[in-house]
Amino acid sequence: MPAFSGKYYYTLDPKGRLIIPAPFREIISSNYNHKLYLVNAAFDTCLHLYPQEEWQKLEDKVRQLPASDDAVKYFKRRVVASAQEVELDKQGRILVPASLREDARLNSDIAIVGQIDRIDLWDRKEWDLVTDPSKVDKRAVEAKLTEFGL
């Protein structure tokens, strides 16, 4: 299965519509049905856009977890409760609901970022902050990635 990868910068229009980059639309149309789910990230100030099949895998994992666990409760309240089905229109855009735009503090300049099984939507300024190499403990990250074999 092809992975979502790459980074694109687009503008959210005044109605809250956002163009999904052509390479991502191609992956969606070739490998998934056209239903998409837009959700809050658990901890980051961004949104995750999942093809229905990938969202279903995540839901299936959550169903297996103990509902009384505080971390699971938080995840369901923050992520699952925010899920909204969105569709690509004929121009390749999705409508980002106002409540999700507010939660992720999305302004007009958006970074659309492939994350293998999903697409992330970030406010461009926030994306630049979280990906700034000077803000990362490079040695700790390098050690952890080496531990993972990356």
Protein backbone atom coordinates (compact mmCIF):
# COMPACT_ATOMS: atom_id res chain seq x y z
CA MET A 1 0.00 0.00 0.00
CA PRO A 2 1.46 3.40 -0.93
CA ALA A 3 2.20 5.68 1.99
CA PHE A 4 1.26 9.31 2.46
CA SER A 5 4.56 11.18 2.40
CA GLY A 6 5.63 14.68 1.56
CA LYS A 7 4.81 18.18 2.75
CA TYR A 8 2.74 20.79 0.99
CA TYR A 9 1.71 24.32 1.84
CA TYR A 10 -1.78 25.46 0.93
CA THR A 11 -4.24 28.11 2.02
CA LEU A 12 -7.52 27.53 3.81
CA ASP A 13 -10.18 29.51 1.97
CA PRO A 14 -12.62 31.82 3.82
CA LYS A 15 -15.27 29.06 3.90
CA GLY A 16 -12.85 26.63 5.56
CA ARG A 17 -12.12 24.54 2.49
CA LEU A 18 -8.67 23.10 1.91
CA ILE A 19 -7.23 21.55 -1.24
CA ILE A 20 -5.75 18.11 -0.63
CA PRO A 21 -2.56 17.79 -2.71
CA ALA A 22 -2.88 15.75 -5.90
CA PRO A 23 -0.43 13.01 -4.81
CA PHE A 24 -2.52 12.41 -1.67
CA ARG A 25 -5.77 12.44 -3.65
CA GLU A 26 -4.28 9.85 -6.01
CA ILE A 27 -3.42 7.53 -3.10
CA ILE A 28 -6.92 7.95 -1.68
CA SER A 29 -8.71 7.32 -4.98
CA SER A 30 -6.51 4.34 -5.92
CA ASN A 31 -6.37 2.58 -2.56
CA TYR A 32 -9.31 3.62 -0.41
CA ASN A 33 -13.00 4.35 -0.66
CA HIS A 34 -13.60 8.09 -0.66
CA LYS A 35 -14.75 8.44 2.95
CA LEU A 36 -12.33 10.40 5.11
CA TYR A 37 -12.32 11.17 8.82
CA LEU A 38 -10.91 14.37 10.24
CA VAL A 39 -10.03 14.28 13.96
CA ASN A 40 -8.12 16.18 16.63
CA ALA A 41 -4.65 14.91 17.42
CA ALA A 42 -4.36 13.51 20.95
CA PHE A 43 -1.65 15.92 22.08
CA ASP A 44 -0.41 18.03 19.16
CA THR A 45 -2.18 21.13 17.93
CA CYS A 46 -3.07 19.71 14.54
CA LEU A 47 -5.67 17.57 12.81
CA HIS A 48 -5.35 14.04 11.46
CA LEU A 49 -7.10 13.09 8.22
CA TYR A 50 -7.64 9.34 7.89
CA PRO A 51 -9.03 7.31 5.02
CA GLN A 52 -11.99 5.36 6.40
CA GLU A 53 -10.11 2.07 6.32
CA GLU A 54 -7.23 3.45 8.41
CA TRP A 55 -9.65 5.12 10.83
CA GLN A 56 -11.45 1.79 11.20
CA LYS A 57 -8.18 0.07 12.14
CA LEU A 58 -7.65 2.67 14.87
CA GLU A 59 -11.21 2.29 16.13
CA ASP A 60 -10.76 -1.49 16.27
CA LYS A 61 -7.63 -1.05 18.41
CA VAL A 62 -9.45 1.31 20.76
CA ARG A 63 -12.32 -1.17 21.15
CA GLN A 64 -9.83 -3.72 22.51
CA LEU A 65 -8.57 -1.38 25.23
CA PRO A 66 -10.01 -1.17 28.76
CA ALA A 67 -12.69 1.53 28.67
CA SER A 68 -12.05 2.40 32.33
CA ASP A 69 -8.38 3.32 31.72
CA ASP A 70 -7.77 7.07 32.07
CA ALA A 71 -5.55 7.25 28.97
CA VAL A 72 -8.21 5.46 26.90
CA LYS A 73 -10.90 7.78 28.26
CA TYR A 74 -8.80 10.79 27.32
CA PHE A 75 -8.16 9.43 23.81
CA LYS A 76 -11.85 8.78 23.24
CA ARG A 77 -12.83 12.20 24.56
CA ARG A 78 -10.20 14.12 22.63
CA VAL A 79 -9.82 12.15 19.40
CA VAL A 80 -12.79 9.84 18.84
CA ALA A 81 -15.35 12.43 19.96
CA SER A 82 -13.93 14.95 17.49
CA ALA A 83 -14.18 12.66 14.44
CA GLN A 84 -16.11 14.10 11.53
CA GLU A 85 -16.62 12.48 8.17
CA VAL A 86 -15.48 14.72 5.32
CA GLU A 87 -15.51 14.24 1.57
CA LEU A 88 -13.37 15.43 -1.27
CA ASP A 89 -15.34 17.73 -3.56
CA LYS A 90 -14.87 17.88 -7.34
CA GLN A 91 -12.02 20.38 -6.90
CA GLY A 92 -10.17 18.03 -4.51
CA ARG A 93 -11.03 20.03 -1.39
CA ILE A 94 -12.34 19.10 2.02
CA LEU A 95 -14.37 21.33 4.29
CA VAL A 96 -12.60 21.65 7.65
CA PRO A 97 -15.39 22.19 10.20
CA ALA A 98 -15.10 25.38 12.24
CA SER A 99 -14.87 23.49 15.55
CA LEU A 100 -11.86 21.50 14.34
CA ARG A 101 -10.21 24.60 12.85
CA GLU A 102 -10.57 26.22 16.25
CA ASP A 103 -9.25 23.18 18.16
CA ALA A 104 -6.14 22.99 15.95
CA ARG A 105 -5.75 26.79 15.81
CA LEU A 106 -5.65 26.66 12.03
CA ASN A 107 -5.29 30.02 10.33
CA SER A 108 -5.09 30.47 6.58
CA ASP A 109 -1.60 29.05 5.89
CA ILE A 110 -1.63 25.28 6.31
CA ALA A 111 1.06 22.60 6.16
CA ILE A 112 -0.39 19.36 4.78
CA VAL A 113 1.93 16.56 5.82
CA GLY A 114 1.99 12.87 4.90
CA GLN A 115 2.34 10.54 7.88
CA ILE A 116 2.32 7.12 6.17
CA ASP A 117 -1.24 6.02 7.07
CA ARG A 118 -2.79 9.46 7.49
CA ILE A 119 -2.40 13.12 6.56
CA ASP A 120 -1.78 15.81 9.18
CA LEU A 121 -3.02 19.39 8.90
CA TRP A 122 -0.99 21.99 10.79
CA ASP A 123 -1.07 25.73 11.01
CA ARG A 124 2.08 26.65 9.06
CA LYS A 125 3.64 28.63 11.93
CA GLU A 126 3.01 25.80 14.41
CA TRP A 127 4.48 23.27 11.93
CA ASP A 128 7.61 25.38 11.60
CA LEU A 129 7.94 25.46 15.40
CA VAL A 130 7.50 21.71 15.99
CA THR A 131 9.92 20.79 13.20
CA ASP A 132 12.64 23.27 14.18
CA PRO A 133 15.79 21.15 14.73
CA SER A 134 17.07 23.62 17.31
CA LYS A 135 14.10 22.74 19.56
CA VAL A 136 14.95 19.03 19.72
CA ASP A 137 17.40 17.11 21.86
CA LYS A 138 19.19 15.73 18.81
CA ARG A 139 21.26 13.15 20.70
CA ALA A 140 18.24 11.72 22.52
CA VAL A 141 16.19 11.56 19.32
CA GLU A 142 19.06 9.99 17.38
CA ALA A 143 19.56 7.38 20.12
CA LYS A 144 15.85 6.51 20.16
CA LEU A 145 15.65 6.26 16.39
CA THR A 146 18.73 4.05 16.36
CA GLU A 147 17.05 1.86 18.98
CA PHE A 148 14.10 1.54 16.58
CA GLY A 149 16.45 0.66 13.72
CA LEU A 150 15.92 3.92 11.83
